[in-house]
N, C-alpha and C. Protein backbone atom coordinates (compact mmCIF):
# COMPACT_ATOMS: atom_id res chain seq x y z
N MET A 1 0.84 -1.15 -0.01
CA MET A 1 -0.02 -0.02 0.00
C MET A 1 0.92 1.26 0.02
N GLU A 2 0.63 2.15 -0.91
CA GLU A 2 1.38 3.39 -0.99
C GLU A 2 0.88 4.35 0.10
N THR A 3 1.81 5.07 0.69
CA THR A 3 1.49 6.04 1.74
C THR A 3 0.93 7.31 1.15
N ASN A 4 -0.06 7.87 1.81
CA ASN A 4 -0.61 9.17 1.36
C ASN A 4 0.41 10.26 1.52
N LYS A 5 0.49 11.14 0.52
CA LYS A 5 1.45 12.23 0.55
C LYS A 5 0.70 13.54 0.93
N ILE A 6 1.33 14.25 1.89
CA ILE A 6 0.75 15.51 2.34
C ILE A 6 1.84 16.55 2.37
N THR A 7 1.42 17.84 2.46
CA THR A 7 2.38 18.94 2.53
C THR A 7 2.96 19.03 3.95
N MET A 8 4.10 19.73 4.03
CA MET A 8 4.71 19.93 5.32
C MET A 8 3.77 20.67 6.27
N MET A 9 3.05 21.67 5.75
CA MET A 9 2.12 22.43 6.61
C MET A 9 0.98 21.56 7.16
N GLU A 10 0.51 20.64 6.30
CA GLU A 10 -0.54 19.71 6.75
C GLU A 10 0.00 18.79 7.85
N ALA A 11 1.24 18.35 7.68
CA ALA A 11 1.87 17.55 8.70
C ALA A 11 2.03 18.35 9.99
N TYR A 12 2.50 19.58 9.88
CA TYR A 12 2.61 20.43 11.07
C TYR A 12 1.28 20.52 11.83
N ARG A 13 0.21 20.77 11.14
CA ARG A 13 -1.10 20.92 11.81
C ARG A 13 -1.50 19.63 12.49
N ILE A 14 -1.35 18.51 11.81
CA ILE A 14 -1.70 17.20 12.41
C ILE A 14 -0.87 16.97 13.66
N GLU A 15 0.44 17.16 13.54
CA GLU A 15 1.35 16.89 14.69
C GLU A 15 1.16 17.92 15.81
N ALA A 16 0.79 19.15 15.49
CA ALA A 16 0.49 20.15 16.53
C ALA A 16 -0.71 19.69 17.34
N LEU A 17 -1.72 19.13 16.70
CA LEU A 17 -2.88 18.61 17.40
C LEU A 17 -2.51 17.43 18.26
N ARG A 18 -1.79 16.51 17.66
CA ARG A 18 -1.37 15.29 18.44
C ARG A 18 -0.50 15.62 19.60
N SER A 19 0.43 16.59 19.41
CA SER A 19 1.36 16.94 20.55
C SER A 19 0.62 17.67 21.67
N ASN A 20 -0.62 18.05 21.44
CA ASN A 20 -1.44 18.65 22.46
C ASN A 20 -2.51 17.67 22.95
N ASP A 21 -2.19 16.41 22.84
CA ASP A 21 -3.06 15.30 23.34
C ASP A 21 -4.44 15.29 22.72
N ILE A 22 -4.54 15.66 21.46
CA ILE A 22 -5.80 15.52 20.73
C ILE A 22 -5.75 14.26 19.91
N SER A 23 -6.66 13.38 20.19
CA SER A 23 -6.65 12.05 19.52
C SER A 23 -7.11 12.09 18.05
N ASN A 24 -6.73 11.07 17.35
CA ASN A 24 -7.19 10.98 15.96
C ASN A 24 -8.71 11.03 15.85
N ASP A 25 -9.35 10.32 16.77
CA ASP A 25 -10.86 10.30 16.77
C ASP A 25 -11.44 11.69 16.98
N GLU A 26 -10.82 12.44 17.90
CA GLU A 26 -11.31 13.84 18.17
C GLU A 26 -11.05 14.76 16.94
N ILE A 27 -9.88 14.59 16.30
CA ILE A 27 -9.59 15.36 15.10
C ILE A 27 -10.68 15.11 14.03
N ILE A 28 -10.96 13.84 13.80
CA ILE A 28 -11.98 13.50 12.82
C ILE A 28 -13.36 13.98 13.21
N GLU A 29 -13.69 13.87 14.45
CA GLU A 29 -14.98 14.32 14.95
C GLU A 29 -15.14 15.83 14.78
N GLN A 30 -14.12 16.58 15.05
CA GLN A 30 -14.11 18.08 14.86
C GLN A 30 -14.26 18.40 13.37
N LEU A 31 -13.49 17.72 12.56
CA LEU A 31 -13.55 18.03 11.10
C LEU A 31 -14.90 17.63 10.51
N ASN A 32 -15.47 16.54 11.00
CA ASN A 32 -16.74 16.09 10.50
C ASN A 32 -17.85 17.02 10.88
N SER A 33 -17.78 17.66 12.06
CA SER A 33 -18.79 18.54 12.55
C SER A 33 -18.72 19.94 11.88
N LYS A 34 -17.60 20.17 11.20
CA LYS A 34 -17.34 21.44 10.50
C LYS A 34 -17.21 22.61 11.49
N GLU A 35 -17.10 22.28 12.79
CA GLU A 35 -16.90 23.32 13.78
C GLU A 35 -15.55 23.03 14.47
N VAL A 36 -14.48 23.34 13.74
CA VAL A 36 -13.14 23.04 14.26
C VAL A 36 -12.81 23.99 15.35
N ASP A 37 -12.84 23.47 16.59
CA ASP A 37 -12.48 24.29 17.75
C ASP A 37 -11.84 23.37 18.76
N PHE A 38 -10.53 23.52 18.91
CA PHE A 38 -9.77 22.70 19.85
C PHE A 38 -9.53 23.47 21.15
N GLY A 39 -10.32 24.51 21.36
CA GLY A 39 -10.24 25.25 22.60
C GLY A 39 -8.88 25.89 22.82
N ASP A 40 -8.42 25.88 24.01
CA ASP A 40 -7.15 26.53 24.32
C ASP A 40 -5.99 25.49 24.30
N ARG A 41 -6.23 24.37 23.72
CA ARG A 41 -5.16 23.32 23.65
C ARG A 41 -4.12 23.57 22.55
N VAL A 42 -4.50 24.42 21.56
CA VAL A 42 -3.53 24.76 20.53
C VAL A 42 -3.55 26.28 20.39
N GLU A 43 -2.62 26.84 19.62
CA GLU A 43 -2.53 28.26 19.39
C GLU A 43 -3.89 28.75 18.91
N PRO A 44 -4.44 29.80 19.47
CA PRO A 44 -5.80 30.26 19.12
C PRO A 44 -5.94 30.66 17.65
N ASP A 45 -4.90 31.19 17.05
CA ASP A 45 -5.00 31.65 15.65
C ASP A 45 -4.40 30.65 14.66
N MET A 46 -4.23 29.40 15.05
CA MET A 46 -3.65 28.40 14.16
C MET A 46 -4.65 28.14 13.05
N ASP A 47 -4.16 28.13 11.80
CA ASP A 47 -5.01 27.94 10.66
C ASP A 47 -5.09 26.49 10.28
N PHE A 48 -6.34 25.98 10.35
CA PHE A 48 -6.57 24.56 10.06
C PHE A 48 -7.21 24.37 8.66
N SER A 49 -7.22 25.44 7.88
CA SER A 49 -7.88 25.31 6.55
C SER A 49 -7.28 24.21 5.68
N GLY A 50 -5.99 24.00 5.79
CA GLY A 50 -5.32 22.97 4.95
C GLY A 50 -5.83 21.58 5.28
N ILE A 51 -5.93 21.24 6.61
CA ILE A 51 -6.38 19.91 6.96
C ILE A 51 -7.88 19.83 6.82
N ILE A 52 -8.59 20.92 6.95
CA ILE A 52 -10.06 20.88 6.67
C ILE A 52 -10.32 20.53 5.21
N SER A 53 -9.58 21.16 4.35
CA SER A 53 -9.70 20.90 2.91
C SER A 53 -9.30 19.44 2.58
N LEU A 54 -8.20 19.01 3.19
CA LEU A 54 -7.73 17.63 2.96
C LEU A 54 -8.78 16.62 3.42
N TYR A 55 -9.41 16.93 4.55
CA TYR A 55 -10.48 16.01 5.05
C TYR A 55 -11.71 16.06 4.13
N GLU A 56 -12.08 17.24 3.66
CA GLU A 56 -13.28 17.35 2.83
C GLU A 56 -13.09 16.70 1.45
N GLN A 57 -11.83 16.67 0.97
CA GLN A 57 -11.53 16.03 -0.32
C GLN A 57 -11.88 14.53 -0.22
N ASN A 58 -11.50 13.88 0.86
CA ASN A 58 -11.75 12.45 1.03
C ASN A 58 -11.58 12.06 2.49
N PRO A 59 -12.66 11.98 3.26
CA PRO A 59 -12.57 11.66 4.66
C PRO A 59 -11.86 10.32 4.93
N GLN A 60 -12.05 9.34 4.07
CA GLN A 60 -11.38 8.04 4.31
C GLN A 60 -9.87 8.15 4.15
N THR A 61 -9.45 8.93 3.15
CA THR A 61 -8.02 9.13 2.94
C THR A 61 -7.42 9.84 4.14
N PHE A 62 -8.13 10.84 4.62
CA PHE A 62 -7.64 11.61 5.78
C PHE A 62 -7.55 10.71 7.02
N LYS A 63 -8.57 9.81 7.23
CA LYS A 63 -8.49 8.86 8.33
C LYS A 63 -7.27 7.96 8.17
N SER A 64 -6.97 7.52 6.96
CA SER A 64 -5.78 6.71 6.70
C SER A 64 -4.49 7.47 7.00
N ILE A 65 -4.46 8.74 6.67
CA ILE A 65 -3.28 9.57 6.98
C ILE A 65 -3.03 9.56 8.48
N LEU A 66 -4.09 9.74 9.27
CA LEU A 66 -3.96 9.71 10.71
C LEU A 66 -3.55 8.36 11.28
N GLU A 67 -4.19 7.32 10.78
CA GLU A 67 -4.00 5.98 11.34
C GLU A 67 -2.80 5.24 10.79
N ASP A 68 -2.57 5.37 9.48
CA ASP A 68 -1.55 4.58 8.81
C ASP A 68 -0.23 5.35 8.60
N GLY A 69 -0.27 6.65 8.75
CA GLY A 69 0.90 7.49 8.51
C GLY A 69 0.84 8.20 7.16
N TYR A 70 1.87 8.97 6.93
CA TYR A 70 1.95 9.78 5.69
C TYR A 70 3.38 9.99 5.31
N THR A 71 3.54 10.48 4.08
CA THR A 71 4.82 10.93 3.59
C THR A 71 4.74 12.40 3.28
N VAL A 72 5.68 13.18 3.73
CA VAL A 72 5.73 14.64 3.46
C VAL A 72 6.27 14.79 2.04
N LYS A 73 5.56 15.44 1.18
CA LYS A 73 5.92 15.57 -0.22
C LYS A 73 7.32 16.16 -0.40
N PHE A 74 7.60 17.27 0.28
CA PHE A 74 8.89 17.92 0.23
C PHE A 74 9.17 18.52 1.60
N ILE A 75 10.31 18.19 2.12
CA ILE A 75 10.60 18.65 3.51
C ILE A 75 11.87 19.43 3.53
N THR A 76 11.89 20.49 4.29
CA THR A 76 13.08 21.37 4.41
C THR A 76 13.84 20.95 5.67
N MET A 77 15.03 21.50 5.85
CA MET A 77 15.81 21.23 7.07
C MET A 77 15.06 21.68 8.29
N ASN A 78 14.55 22.89 8.31
CA ASN A 78 13.79 23.36 9.47
C ASN A 78 12.50 22.52 9.64
N GLY A 79 11.83 22.15 8.55
CA GLY A 79 10.68 21.33 8.64
C GLY A 79 10.96 19.98 9.27
N LEU A 80 12.07 19.41 8.89
CA LEU A 80 12.45 18.10 9.47
C LEU A 80 12.67 18.26 10.96
N GLN A 81 13.42 19.26 11.36
CA GLN A 81 13.72 19.47 12.79
C GLN A 81 12.44 19.68 13.56
N ASN A 82 11.52 20.48 13.05
CA ASN A 82 10.21 20.75 13.72
C ASN A 82 9.37 19.50 13.84
N LEU A 83 9.31 18.70 12.73
CA LEU A 83 8.53 17.47 12.82
C LEU A 83 9.14 16.45 13.74
N LEU A 84 10.49 16.34 13.75
CA LEU A 84 11.13 15.45 14.67
C LEU A 84 10.75 15.80 16.10
N LYS A 85 10.72 17.09 16.39
CA LYS A 85 10.40 17.53 17.77
C LYS A 85 8.94 17.30 18.09
N MET A 86 8.05 17.68 17.19
CA MET A 86 6.59 17.55 17.44
C MET A 86 6.15 16.09 17.48
N LYS A 87 6.58 15.32 16.52
CA LYS A 87 6.10 13.92 16.39
C LYS A 87 6.80 12.93 17.29
N PHE A 88 8.12 13.13 17.53
CA PHE A 88 8.90 12.07 18.24
C PHE A 88 9.63 12.62 19.45
N ASP A 89 9.51 13.90 19.77
CA ASP A 89 10.28 14.54 20.84
C ASP A 89 11.78 14.36 20.68
N ILE A 90 12.23 14.46 19.47
CA ILE A 90 13.63 14.37 19.11
C ILE A 90 14.18 15.80 18.88
N ILE A 91 15.20 16.20 19.63
CA ILE A 91 15.65 17.57 19.68
C ILE A 91 17.10 17.69 19.30
N LYS A 92 17.38 18.74 18.49
CA LYS A 92 18.74 19.07 18.04
C LYS A 92 19.66 19.25 19.23
N ASP A 93 20.89 18.80 19.09
CA ASP A 93 21.96 18.87 20.09
C ASP A 93 21.77 17.87 21.27
N ARG A 94 20.55 17.47 21.52
CA ARG A 94 20.33 16.44 22.54
C ARG A 94 20.33 15.06 21.87
N ASP A 95 19.62 14.95 20.72
CA ASP A 95 19.41 13.69 20.10
C ASP A 95 20.13 13.50 18.75
N TYR A 96 20.60 14.60 18.18
CA TYR A 96 21.31 14.52 16.88
C TYR A 96 22.14 15.79 16.70
N GLU A 97 23.02 15.73 15.74
CA GLU A 97 23.81 16.90 15.37
C GLU A 97 23.37 17.40 13.99
N LEU A 98 23.39 18.67 13.85
CA LEU A 98 23.07 19.35 12.61
C LEU A 98 24.34 19.42 11.76
N VAL A 99 24.27 18.94 10.50
CA VAL A 99 25.41 19.03 9.60
C VAL A 99 24.95 19.76 8.34
N GLU A 100 25.91 20.05 7.46
CA GLU A 100 25.64 20.88 6.29
C GLU A 100 24.48 20.41 5.45
N HIS A 101 24.35 19.10 5.21
CA HIS A 101 23.32 18.56 4.30
C HIS A 101 22.32 17.67 5.00
N GLY A 102 22.11 17.87 6.31
CA GLY A 102 21.11 17.09 7.00
C GLY A 102 21.42 16.97 8.51
N ILE A 103 21.05 15.85 9.05
CA ILE A 103 21.35 15.60 10.49
C ILE A 103 22.14 14.35 10.62
N SER A 104 22.90 14.29 11.72
CA SER A 104 23.84 13.17 11.89
C SER A 104 23.74 12.61 13.28
N GLN A 105 24.06 11.32 13.38
CA GLN A 105 24.16 10.63 14.71
C GLN A 105 22.81 10.53 15.42
N LEU A 106 21.78 10.32 14.68
CA LEU A 106 20.44 10.19 15.27
C LEU A 106 20.27 8.73 15.73
N SER A 107 20.01 8.51 17.00
CA SER A 107 19.77 7.19 17.52
C SER A 107 18.34 7.01 17.91
N ILE A 108 17.63 6.09 17.23
CA ILE A 108 16.19 5.94 17.48
C ILE A 108 15.84 4.44 17.55
N ASP A 109 14.69 4.18 18.15
CA ASP A 109 14.24 2.79 18.24
C ASP A 109 13.61 2.37 16.93
N GLU A 110 13.35 1.13 16.78
CA GLU A 110 12.83 0.55 15.55
C GLU A 110 11.44 1.13 15.14
N LYS A 111 10.59 1.31 16.12
CA LYS A 111 9.23 1.87 15.79
C LYS A 111 9.37 3.29 15.25
N THR A 112 10.20 4.10 15.86
CA THR A 112 10.38 5.50 15.40
C THR A 112 11.10 5.47 14.02
N TYR A 113 12.01 4.55 13.84
CA TYR A 113 12.72 4.44 12.56
C TYR A 113 11.74 4.14 11.42
N THR A 114 10.84 3.18 11.67
CA THR A 114 9.83 2.82 10.67
C THR A 114 8.95 4.01 10.34
N ALA A 115 8.45 4.70 11.32
CA ALA A 115 7.60 5.87 11.12
C ALA A 115 8.34 6.99 10.40
N LEU A 116 9.61 7.22 10.78
CA LEU A 116 10.41 8.28 10.17
C LEU A 116 10.67 7.97 8.71
N LYS A 117 11.03 6.70 8.43
CA LYS A 117 11.30 6.31 7.06
C LYS A 117 10.12 6.55 6.14
N GLN A 118 8.92 6.25 6.67
CA GLN A 118 7.67 6.42 5.93
C GLN A 118 7.40 7.91 5.72
N MET A 119 7.73 8.76 6.72
CA MET A 119 7.35 10.18 6.68
C MET A 119 8.20 11.01 5.73
N LEU A 120 9.48 10.60 5.55
CA LEU A 120 10.39 11.43 4.75
C LEU A 120 10.09 11.36 3.28
N GLY A 121 10.10 12.54 2.62
CA GLY A 121 9.86 12.62 1.18
C GLY A 121 11.06 12.21 0.38
N LYS A 122 10.89 12.30 -0.92
CA LYS A 122 11.95 11.88 -1.86
C LYS A 122 13.22 12.71 -1.77
N ASN A 123 13.14 13.89 -1.18
CA ASN A 123 14.32 14.75 -1.12
C ASN A 123 15.20 14.45 0.09
N CYS A 124 14.88 13.38 0.81
CA CYS A 124 15.68 12.93 1.95
C CYS A 124 16.13 11.48 1.75
N ARG A 125 17.34 11.24 2.24
CA ARG A 125 17.90 9.85 2.13
C ARG A 125 18.39 9.51 3.55
N ILE A 126 18.05 8.29 3.98
CA ILE A 126 18.54 7.81 5.28
C ILE A 126 19.76 6.99 5.05
N GLU A 127 20.79 7.30 5.83
CA GLU A 127 22.05 6.56 5.77
C GLU A 127 22.17 5.83 7.12
N GLU A 128 22.04 4.53 7.06
CA GLU A 128 22.13 3.68 8.24
C GLU A 128 23.56 3.46 8.64
N LEU A 129 23.91 3.86 9.87
CA LEU A 129 25.30 3.77 10.35
C LEU A 129 25.51 2.45 11.09
N SER A 130 24.59 2.14 12.02
CA SER A 130 24.72 0.91 12.80
C SER A 130 23.39 0.57 13.46
N LYS A 131 23.32 -0.67 13.89
CA LYS A 131 22.15 -1.13 14.62
C LYS A 131 22.63 -1.92 15.84
N ASP A 132 22.15 -1.53 17.02
CA ASP A 132 22.56 -2.16 18.23
C ASP A 132 21.29 -2.45 19.06
N ASN A 133 21.06 -3.74 19.31
CA ASN A 133 19.82 -4.15 20.01
C ASN A 133 18.60 -3.57 19.31
N ASP A 134 17.86 -2.67 20.01
CA ASP A 134 16.66 -2.07 19.38
C ASP A 134 16.94 -0.66 18.89
N LYS A 135 18.17 -0.19 18.89
CA LYS A 135 18.49 1.15 18.49
C LYS A 135 19.14 1.18 17.09
N GLN A 136 18.74 2.13 16.31
CA GLN A 136 19.27 2.34 14.97
C GLN A 136 20.01 3.70 14.95
N LEU A 137 21.25 3.76 14.54
CA LEU A 137 22.03 4.97 14.43
C LEU A 137 22.06 5.36 12.98
N LEU A 138 21.70 6.65 12.66
CA LEU A 138 21.59 7.02 11.28
C LEU A 138 21.85 8.48 11.04
N ASN A 139 22.05 8.80 9.77
CA ASN A 139 22.07 10.17 9.31
C ASN A 139 20.89 10.36 8.37
N ILE A 140 20.38 11.55 8.31
CA ILE A 140 19.34 11.90 7.32
C ILE A 140 19.92 12.97 6.47
N LEU A 141 20.06 12.77 5.19
CA LEU A 141 20.70 13.70 4.26
C LEU A 141 19.70 14.20 3.25
N PHE A 142 19.82 15.45 2.90
CA PHE A 142 19.01 16.05 1.83
C PHE A 142 19.69 15.82 0.51
N VAL A 143 18.89 15.44 -0.47
CA VAL A 143 19.44 15.17 -1.84
C VAL A 143 18.82 16.12 -2.81
């Protein structure tokens, strides 16, 4: 099954909701009711028009994006860093080093590795450095 492709901004909005403990079911419920209001759990002026539109195009596809994951069509260095922080609580200088063409020395577990590999667009390449028990050490390079 091919993964659904979304924009970086759509990924940001989804992960902003999730990082504020808003469940997939609640996201879908809000979008379905057409009264998108997550109260004070997210930034009050956050624009959800992108994910509202994505949901309205095909609710089943949107549900699959939430449940099965997604691939970001094109990701930037800052975008990658922000998504790593929001989705996985992976932070620069604590969990990886920033290098000229990507990030280096990222150590993650197998579940995170699988989700990250699925999420990255075609402009990123994962370079596997080593695997030790359940940890994978890698670099992510922009191509």
